[in-house]
Amino acid sequence: MTISEAQQEVDTWIKTYGVRYFSELTNMAILTEEVGELARIMARTYGDQSFKKSELGKDLGDEMADVLWVLMCLANQTGIDLTEEFRKNLEKKTARDKDRHRENPKL
């Protein structure tokens, strides 16, 4: 599935099952919440914190997909073509950083 197809799938799902999009501000808050849930799993899986019993079994991939879902909702609501924006962002990063990381003695 391409990014464009995924954006369309999200739009179709929202219009079929979700009735309508939440407001952009609500979706921004939900995105922040989902990123927090992802951060919690990362901190406990790869960081120094341990899981509480109630947190066991949380799925890292599912949390990443939740973040992607809400991001696509926001993109759809604001008329952003994530395929095009990702392409432009990759070009920007390449132009800006093509030598930067190779020349970084820390890496």
C-alpha atoms as a PDB file:
ATOM      1  CA  MET A   1       0.000   0.000   0.000  1.00  0.00           C
ATOM      2  CA  THR A   2       1.354   3.422  -0.895  1.00  0.00           C
ATOM      3  CA  ILE A   3       1.106   6.424   1.409  1.00  0.00           C
ATOM      4  CA  SER A   4      -1.486   7.901  -0.937  1.00  0.00           C
ATOM      5  CA  GLU A   5      -3.549   4.717  -0.857  1.00  0.00           C
ATOM      6  CA  ALA A   6      -3.304   4.641   2.933  1.00  0.00           C
ATOM      7  CA  GLN A   7      -4.557   8.219   3.158  1.00  0.00           C
ATOM      8  CA  GLN A   8      -7.504   7.253   0.949  1.00  0.00           C
ATOM      9  CA  GLU A   9      -8.219   4.153   3.075  1.00  0.00           C
ATOM     10  CA  VAL A  10      -8.284   6.312   6.216  1.00  0.00           C
ATOM     11  CA  ASP A  11     -10.646   8.778   4.530  1.00  0.00           C
ATOM     12  CA  THR A  12     -12.971   5.989   3.378  1.00  0.00           C
ATOM     13  CA  TRP A  13     -12.963   4.398   6.839  1.00  0.00           C
ATOM     14  CA  ILE A  14     -13.750   7.701   8.553  1.00  0.00           C
ATOM     15  CA  LYS A  15     -16.633   8.424   6.164  1.00  0.00           C
ATOM     16  CA  THR A  16     -17.971   4.855   6.430  1.00  0.00           C
ATOM     17  CA  TYR A  17     -17.551   4.052  10.126  1.00  0.00           C
ATOM     18  CA  GLY A  18     -16.431   7.184  11.895  1.00  0.00           C
ATOM     19  CA  VAL A  19     -19.251   9.462  10.699  1.00  0.00           C
ATOM     20  CA  ARG A  20     -16.854  12.406  10.360  1.00  0.00           C
ATOM     21  CA  TYR A  21     -13.352  13.505  11.266  1.00  0.00           C
ATOM     22  CA  PHE A  22     -12.787  14.885  14.740  1.00  0.00           C
ATOM     23  CA  SER A  23     -11.729  18.525  14.630  1.00  0.00           C
ATOM     24  CA  GLU A  24      -8.135  19.224  13.691  1.00  0.00           C
ATOM     25  CA  LEU A  25      -7.369  20.404  17.204  1.00  0.00           C
ATOM     26  CA  THR A  26      -8.890  17.259  18.725  1.00  0.00           C
ATOM     27  CA  ASN A  27      -6.869  15.105  16.323  1.00  0.00           C
ATOM     28  CA  MET A  28      -3.709  17.011  17.250  1.00  0.00           C
ATOM     29  CA  ALA A  29      -4.390  16.202  20.907  1.00  0.00           C
ATOM     30  CA  ILE A  30      -5.064  12.549  20.008  1.00  0.00           C
ATOM     31  CA  LEU A  31      -1.804  12.438  18.025  1.00  0.00           C
ATOM     32  CA  THR A  32       0.059  13.722  21.064  1.00  0.00           C
ATOM     33  CA  GLU A  33      -1.634  11.079  23.211  1.00  0.00           C
ATOM     34  CA  GLU A  34      -0.713   8.309  20.754  1.00  0.00           C
ATOM     35  CA  VAL A  35       2.909   9.463  20.611  1.00  0.00           C
ATOM     36  CA  GLY A  36       2.932   9.328  24.413  1.00  0.00           C
ATOM     37  CA  GLU A  37       1.693   5.732  24.341  1.00  0.00           C
ATOM     38  CA  LEU A  38       4.432   4.882  21.845  1.00  0.00           C
ATOM     39  CA  ALA A  39       7.004   6.625  24.043  1.00  0.00           C
ATOM     40  CA  ARG A  40       5.870   4.646  27.078  1.00  0.00           C
ATOM     41  CA  ILE A  41       6.496   1.330  25.300  1.00  0.00           C
ATOM     42  CA  MET A  42       9.858   2.529  23.950  1.00  0.00           C
ATOM     43  CA  ALA A  43      10.976   3.713  27.407  1.00  0.00           C
ATOM     44  CA  ARG A  44      10.078   0.395  28.960  1.00  0.00           C
ATOM     45  CA  THR A  45      11.360  -1.826  26.156  1.00  0.00           C
ATOM     46  CA  TYR A  46      14.596  -0.007  25.301  1.00  0.00           C
ATOM     47  CA  GLY A  47      15.063   2.349  28.241  1.00  0.00           C
ATOM     48  CA  ASP A  48      15.535   1.963  31.946  1.00  0.00           C
ATOM     49  CA  GLN A  49      11.915   1.739  33.062  1.00  0.00           C
ATOM     50  CA  SER A  50      10.054  -1.527  33.578  1.00  0.00           C
ATOM     51  CA  PHE A  51       6.524  -2.414  32.563  1.00  0.00           C
ATOM     52  CA  LYS A  52       3.691  -2.364  35.072  1.00  0.00           C
ATOM     53  CA  LYS A  53       1.578  -5.529  35.014  1.00  0.00           C
ATOM     54  CA  SER A  54      -1.241  -3.579  33.344  1.00  0.00           C
ATOM     55  CA  GLU A  55       1.125  -2.551  30.516  1.00  0.00           C
ATOM     56  CA  LEU A  56       2.353  -6.014  29.614  1.00  0.00           C
ATOM     57  CA  GLY A  57       1.424  -7.144  26.141  1.00  0.00           C
ATOM     58  CA  LYS A  58       1.298  -3.675  24.620  1.00  0.00           C
ATOM     59  CA  ASP A  59       2.152  -3.825  20.919  1.00  0.00           C
ATOM     60  CA  LEU A  60       4.849  -1.439  19.645  1.00  0.00           C
ATOM     61  CA  GLY A  61       3.774  -1.845  16.013  1.00  0.00           C
ATOM     62  CA  ASP A  62       0.130  -1.177  16.857  1.00  0.00           C
ATOM     63  CA  GLU A  63       1.093   2.033  18.658  1.00  0.00           C
ATOM     64  CA  MET A  64       3.163   3.153  15.664  1.00  0.00           C
ATOM     65  CA  ALA A  65       0.175   2.446  13.413  1.00  0.00           C
ATOM     66  CA  ASP A  66      -2.049   4.527  15.722  1.00  0.00           C
ATOM     67  CA  VAL A  67       0.350   7.465  15.316  1.00  0.00           C
ATOM     68  CA  LEU A  68       0.348   7.017  11.536  1.00  0.00           C
ATOM     69  CA  TRP A  69      -3.458   6.784  11.451  1.00  0.00           C
ATOM     70  CA  VAL A  70      -4.012  10.069  13.270  1.00  0.00           C
ATOM     71  CA  LEU A  71      -1.274  11.773  11.246  1.00  0.00           C
ATOM     72  CA  MET A  72      -3.070  10.684   8.072  1.00  0.00           C
ATOM     73  CA  CYS A  73      -6.343  12.019   9.464  1.00  0.00           C
ATOM     74  CA  LEU A  74      -4.705  15.394  10.015  1.00  0.00           C
ATOM     75  CA  ALA A  75      -3.150  15.328   6.543  1.00  0.00           C
ATOM     76  CA  ASN A  76      -6.511  14.544   4.958  1.00  0.00           C
ATOM     77  CA  GLN A  77      -8.246  17.271   6.931  1.00  0.00           C
ATOM     78  CA  THR A  78      -5.698  19.914   5.993  1.00  0.00           C
ATOM     79  CA  GLY A  79      -5.247  18.915   2.338  1.00  0.00           C
ATOM     80  CA  ILE A  80      -1.711  17.579   2.717  1.00  0.00           C
ATOM     81  CA  ASP A  81      -0.482  14.961   0.244  1.00  0.00           C
ATOM     82  CA  LEU A  82       1.923  13.033   2.455  1.00  0.00           C
ATOM     83  CA  THR A  83       3.526  11.298  -0.535  1.00  0.00           C
ATOM     84  CA  GLU A  84       4.530  14.631  -2.046  1.00  0.00           C
ATOM     85  CA  GLU A  85       5.518  16.151   1.291  1.00  0.00           C
ATOM     86  CA  PHE A  86       7.652  13.130   2.177  1.00  0.00           C
ATOM     87  CA  ARG A  87       9.399  13.316  -1.206  1.00  0.00           C
ATOM     88  CA  LYS A  88      10.142  17.036  -0.688  1.00  0.00           C
ATOM     89  CA  ASN A  89      11.306  16.388   2.881  1.00  0.00           C
ATOM     90  CA  LEU A  90      13.678  13.653   1.727  1.00  0.00           C
ATOM     91  CA  GLU A  91      15.144  15.998  -0.895  1.00  0.00           C
ATOM     92  CA  LYS A  92      15.593  18.704   1.757  1.00  0.00           C
ATOM     93  CA  LYS A  93      17.338  16.329   4.157  1.00  0.00           C
ATOM     94  CA  THR A  94      19.582  14.974   1.396  1.00  0.00           C
ATOM     95  CA  ALA A  95      20.658  18.448   0.299  1.00  0.00           C
ATOM     96  CA  ARG A  96      21.227  19.591   3.874  1.00  0.00           C
ATOM     97  CA  ASP A  97      22.800  16.479   5.373  1.00  0.00           C
ATOM     98  CA  LYS A  98      24.465  14.556   2.525  1.00  0.00           C
ATOM     99  CA  ASP A  99      27.917  14.950   4.108  1.00  0.00           C
ATOM    100  CA  ARG A 100      27.039  15.964   7.649  1.00  0.00           C
ATOM    101  CA  HIS A 101      26.628  12.508   9.155  1.00  0.00           C
ATOM    102  CA  ARG A 102      29.586  10.936   7.364  1.00  0.00           C
ATOM    103  CA  GLU A 103      31.801  13.716   8.690  1.00  0.00           C
ATOM    104  CA  ASN A 104      30.486  13.382  12.264  1.00  0.00           C
ATOM    105  CA  PRO A 105      33.226  11.746  14.387  1.00  0.00           C
ATOM    106  CA  LYS A 106      30.583  10.730  16.937  1.00  0.00           C
ATOM    107  CA  LEU A 107      29.039   8.356  14.431  1.00  0.00           C
END
